[in-house]
């Protein structure tokens, strides 16, 4: 029996367009001013230093802003970018300039599963902080009380089976008691290799069907 459900965000609980057409542009348009204003703060300085380390050269604040803007354009999934985006988004959510998108079926089904005693988790390439912001300020209300935990790329890449083994270790559950939901077939392959059950969400034409996994058009069709 499924005891825990781990869900992706983009294309699964929420629209890919929301991330790429709202969140990313917001972060990019505010990034340079944010770095200028907060570069001396330890949490921000740490991410600027990590950006320089990954680039392999010394970076001024302006240089770092240029690198990070390029990484946004390239959709690079690197920790310093994700961390800084999360800080910028936090300001946007707090100001009411951003509202986290979830599909209409997401919140009711999450509440149903939670009410059935299922433990709910998120695993996304976005930082844990960014995940909490999307669900904490969603257009369906604050959904964070429904979740037992969050995972990002600090536990490993989403197409690597070892990442899902690490998640299972954190959950203290065998794979046959955990269901992973995603729109990306390669992620589902990795989760299944780690022993998890899987289901592919096919919400729009952007998802490439992987017929070796059970499929659903929305959360109401997911079979536990």
Protein backbone atom coordinates (compact mmCIF):
# COMPACT_ATOMS: atom_id res chain seq x y z
CA UNK A 1 0.00 0.00 0.00
CA UNK A 2 1.22 3.50 -0.84
CA UNK A 3 2.17 5.34 2.36
CA UNK A 4 3.89 8.39 0.84
CA UNK A 5 3.59 10.42 -2.37
CA UNK A 6 6.50 12.44 -3.74
CA UNK A 7 5.55 15.00 -6.38
CA UNK A 8 7.39 17.12 -8.88
CA UNK A 9 6.17 20.71 -9.41
CA UNK A 10 6.64 21.92 -13.01
CA UNK A 11 4.13 20.20 -15.29
CA UNK A 12 2.85 18.13 -12.36
CA UNK A 13 1.28 20.27 -9.63
CA UNK A 14 1.81 23.53 -11.46
CA UNK A 15 2.09 24.97 -14.95
CA UNK A 16 5.48 25.01 -16.63
CA UNK A 17 4.43 28.35 -18.12
CA UNK A 18 4.04 29.86 -14.64
CA UNK A 19 7.67 29.08 -13.86
CA UNK A 20 9.09 30.15 -17.22
CA UNK A 21 6.80 33.09 -17.99
CA UNK A 22 6.28 34.51 -14.49
CA UNK A 23 8.85 33.35 -11.95
CA UNK A 24 11.98 33.35 -14.12
CA UNK A 25 11.33 36.76 -15.71
CA UNK A 26 10.52 38.25 -12.29
CA UNK A 27 13.80 36.97 -10.84
CA UNK A 28 15.80 38.14 -13.84
CA UNK A 29 14.30 41.63 -13.84
CA UNK A 30 15.00 42.08 -10.11
CA UNK A 31 18.29 40.18 -9.86
CA UNK A 32 20.81 42.95 -10.46
CA UNK A 33 19.13 45.43 -8.09
CA UNK A 34 18.76 42.68 -5.47
CA UNK A 35 22.48 41.84 -5.59
CA UNK A 36 23.48 45.50 -5.37
CA UNK A 37 21.26 45.97 -2.32
CA UNK A 38 22.09 42.74 -0.49
CA UNK A 39 25.57 41.61 -1.64
CA UNK A 40 27.08 42.27 1.81
CA UNK A 41 24.60 40.01 3.58
CA UNK A 42 26.15 36.62 4.43
CA UNK A 43 23.49 34.48 2.74
CA UNK A 44 23.77 36.45 -0.50
CA UNK A 45 27.56 36.76 -0.36
CA UNK A 46 27.78 32.98 -0.01
CA UNK A 47 25.87 32.46 -3.24
CA UNK A 48 27.91 35.07 -5.11
CA UNK A 49 31.07 33.26 -3.99
CA UNK A 50 29.66 29.93 -5.15
CA UNK A 51 28.77 31.49 -8.51
CA UNK A 52 32.39 32.62 -8.84
CA UNK A 53 33.63 29.15 -7.90
CA UNK A 54 31.47 27.51 -10.56
CA UNK A 55 32.63 30.06 -13.14
CA UNK A 56 36.25 29.54 -12.13
CA UNK A 57 37.06 33.24 -11.83
CA UNK A 58 36.77 36.21 -9.52
CA UNK A 59 33.48 38.06 -9.98
CA UNK A 60 32.37 41.52 -9.00
CA UNK A 61 28.73 41.97 -8.04
CA UNK A 62 28.00 43.21 -11.57
CA UNK A 63 29.91 40.28 -13.09
CA UNK A 64 27.98 37.84 -10.91
CA UNK A 65 24.70 39.41 -11.98
CA UNK A 66 25.64 38.91 -15.62
CA UNK A 67 26.54 35.27 -15.06
CA UNK A 68 23.34 34.60 -13.14
CA UNK A 69 21.21 36.29 -15.80
CA UNK A 70 22.84 34.08 -18.41
CA UNK A 71 22.16 31.01 -16.28
CA UNK A 72 18.49 32.00 -16.09
CA UNK A 73 18.37 32.20 -19.90
CA UNK A 74 20.05 28.77 -20.10
CA UNK A 75 17.70 27.32 -17.45
CA UNK A 76 20.75 26.14 -15.49
CA UNK A 77 19.81 24.09 -12.45
CA UNK A 78 22.63 25.19 -10.14
CA UNK A 79 22.35 25.83 -6.42
CA UNK A 80 23.47 29.49 -6.20
CA UNK A 81 21.03 30.56 -8.90
CA UNK A 82 18.17 28.62 -7.32
CA UNK A 83 18.98 30.05 -3.88
CA UNK A 84 19.08 33.65 -5.09
CA UNK A 85 15.94 33.22 -7.17
CA UNK A 86 14.22 31.96 -4.02
CA UNK A 87 15.27 35.07 -2.09
CA UNK A 88 13.97 37.36 -4.83
CA UNK A 89 10.72 35.44 -5.17
CA UNK A 90 10.22 35.65 -1.40
CA UNK A 91 10.15 39.41 -1.71
CA UNK A 92 7.74 39.18 -4.65
CA UNK A 93 5.34 36.86 -2.84
CA UNK A 94 5.49 38.99 0.31
CA UNK A 95 4.66 42.10 -1.73
CA UNK A 96 1.75 40.36 -3.46
CA UNK A 97 3.44 40.66 -6.85
CA UNK A 98 3.55 36.87 -7.22
CA UNK A 99 0.99 34.14 -6.57
CA UNK A 100 1.96 30.47 -6.84
CA UNK A 101 0.11 28.60 -9.58
CA UNK A 102 -1.37 25.15 -8.98
CA UNK A 103 -3.70 23.30 -11.32
CA UNK A 104 -7.38 23.29 -10.18
CA UNK A 105 -7.23 19.58 -9.32
CA UNK A 106 -4.00 19.82 -7.32
CA UNK A 107 -5.16 21.24 -4.01
CA UNK A 108 -8.34 19.12 -3.64
CA UNK A 109 -6.43 15.91 -4.38
CA UNK A 110 -3.54 16.80 -2.07
CA UNK A 111 -6.05 17.48 0.69
CA UNK A 112 -7.81 14.17 -0.01
CA UNK A 113 -4.56 12.19 0.13
CA UNK A 114 -3.48 14.02 3.26
CA UNK A 115 -6.84 13.25 4.85
CA UNK A 116 -6.33 9.58 3.99
CA UNK A 117 -3.11 9.63 6.00
CA UNK A 118 -0.69 9.70 3.07
CA UNK A 119 2.57 11.52 3.71
CA UNK A 120 3.17 14.12 1.00
CA UNK A 121 6.56 15.36 -0.18
CA UNK A 122 7.92 17.59 -2.93
CA UNK A 123 11.00 16.87 -5.06
CA UNK A 124 11.82 19.64 -7.51
CA UNK A 125 14.88 21.18 -9.14
CA UNK A 126 13.81 24.49 -7.59
CA UNK A 127 15.18 25.14 -4.11
CA UNK A 128 13.27 23.97 -1.04
CA UNK A 129 12.74 27.62 -0.17
CA UNK A 130 11.19 28.28 -3.60
CA UNK A 131 8.99 25.20 -3.27
CA UNK A 132 7.63 26.43 0.05
CA UNK A 133 6.90 29.83 -1.48
CA UNK A 134 4.89 28.39 -4.37
CA UNK A 135 2.74 26.26 -2.08
CA UNK A 136 2.65 28.77 0.78
CA UNK A 137 1.37 31.54 -1.50
CA UNK A 138 -0.61 29.45 -3.98
CA UNK A 139 -3.76 30.62 -5.71
CA UNK A 140 -5.51 27.83 -3.76
CA UNK A 141 -4.29 29.11 -0.41
CA UNK A 142 -1.49 27.96 1.89
CA UNK A 143 -0.86 24.30 1.07
CA UNK A 144 2.35 23.88 3.10
CA UNK A 145 0.55 22.21 6.07
CA UNK A 146 -0.21 19.29 3.75
CA UNK A 147 3.46 18.44 3.16
CA UNK A 148 5.75 16.44 5.41
CA UNK A 149 8.97 17.50 3.66
CA UNK A 150 10.74 18.91 0.63
CA UNK A 151 13.71 17.82 -1.51
CA UNK A 152 15.73 19.70 -4.11
CA UNK A 153 18.90 19.02 -6.12
CA UNK A 154 20.99 19.08 -2.95
CA UNK A 155 19.92 15.45 -2.54
CA UNK A 156 20.96 14.73 -6.15
CA UNK A 157 19.89 15.12 -9.77
CA UNK A 158 16.32 14.23 -10.65
CA UNK A 159 17.34 11.78 -13.37
CA UNK A 160 19.67 9.81 -11.07
CA UNK A 161 18.39 6.71 -9.29
CA UNK A 162 20.65 7.39 -6.30
CA UNK A 163 18.67 10.56 -5.60
CA UNK A 164 15.50 8.56 -5.11
CA UNK A 165 17.32 6.00 -2.98
CA UNK A 166 18.45 8.88 -0.78
CA UNK A 167 14.87 10.13 -0.55
CA UNK A 168 13.67 6.66 0.45
CA UNK A 169 16.31 6.62 3.18
CA UNK A 170 15.05 9.98 4.44
CA UNK A 171 11.45 8.75 4.38
CA UNK A 172 12.41 5.48 6.09
CA UNK A 173 10.07 3.63 3.74
CA UNK A 174 10.59 0.86 1.18
CA UNK A 175 10.16 1.84 -2.46
CA UNK A 176 6.98 -0.20 -2.89
CA UNK A 177 5.25 2.10 -0.38
CA UNK A 178 6.18 5.33 -2.20
CA UNK A 179 4.64 6.84 -5.36
CA UNK A 180 6.54 9.42 -7.43
CA UNK A 181 4.61 11.80 -9.69
CA UNK A 182 6.24 13.70 -12.56
CA UNK A 183 5.67 14.70 -16.17
CA UNK A 184 9.27 13.79 -17.12
CA UNK A 185 9.84 10.19 -18.18
CA UNK A 186 13.55 10.13 -17.38
CA UNK A 187 12.80 11.16 -13.79
CA UNK A 188 10.21 8.42 -13.52
CA UNK A 189 12.70 5.90 -14.90
CA UNK A 190 15.18 6.87 -12.19
CA UNK A 191 12.54 6.65 -9.45
CA UNK A 192 11.42 3.23 -10.63
CA UNK A 193 15.04 2.05 -10.71
CA UNK A 194 15.19 2.96 -7.03
CA UNK A 195 12.11 0.81 -6.39
CA UNK A 196 9.39 3.47 -6.25
CA UNK A 197 5.99 3.27 -7.90
CA UNK A 198 5.52 5.92 -10.59
CA UNK A 199 2.86 7.82 -12.50
CA UNK A 200 3.39 10.23 -15.38
CA UNK A 201 1.24 13.36 -15.54
CA UNK A 202 0.31 14.25 -19.12
CA UNK A 203 -1.26 17.65 -18.61
CA UNK A 204 -0.42 19.18 -22.00
CA UNK A 205 1.43 18.60 -25.24
CA UNK A 206 4.78 19.49 -23.65
CA UNK A 207 5.00 16.15 -21.84
CA UNK A 208 6.56 13.30 -23.80
CA UNK A 209 4.66 10.07 -23.01
CA UNK A 210 6.66 7.24 -21.47
CA UNK A 211 4.25 4.34 -21.87
CA UNK A 212 6.20 2.09 -19.50
CA UNK A 213 4.75 4.14 -16.62
CA UNK A 214 1.11 4.49 -15.56
CA UNK A 215 -0.25 7.80 -16.83
CA UNK A 216 -2.83 10.36 -15.72
CA UNK A 217 -4.18 13.58 -17.21
CA UNK A 218 -4.61 15.14 -13.77
CA UNK A 219 -4.30 14.21 -10.11
CA UNK A 220 -7.84 12.83 -9.92
CA UNK A 221 -6.80 10.03 -12.31
CA UNK A 222 -3.76 8.95 -10.26
CA UNK A 223 -4.22 5.42 -8.96
CA UNK A 224 -2.72 4.56 -5.58
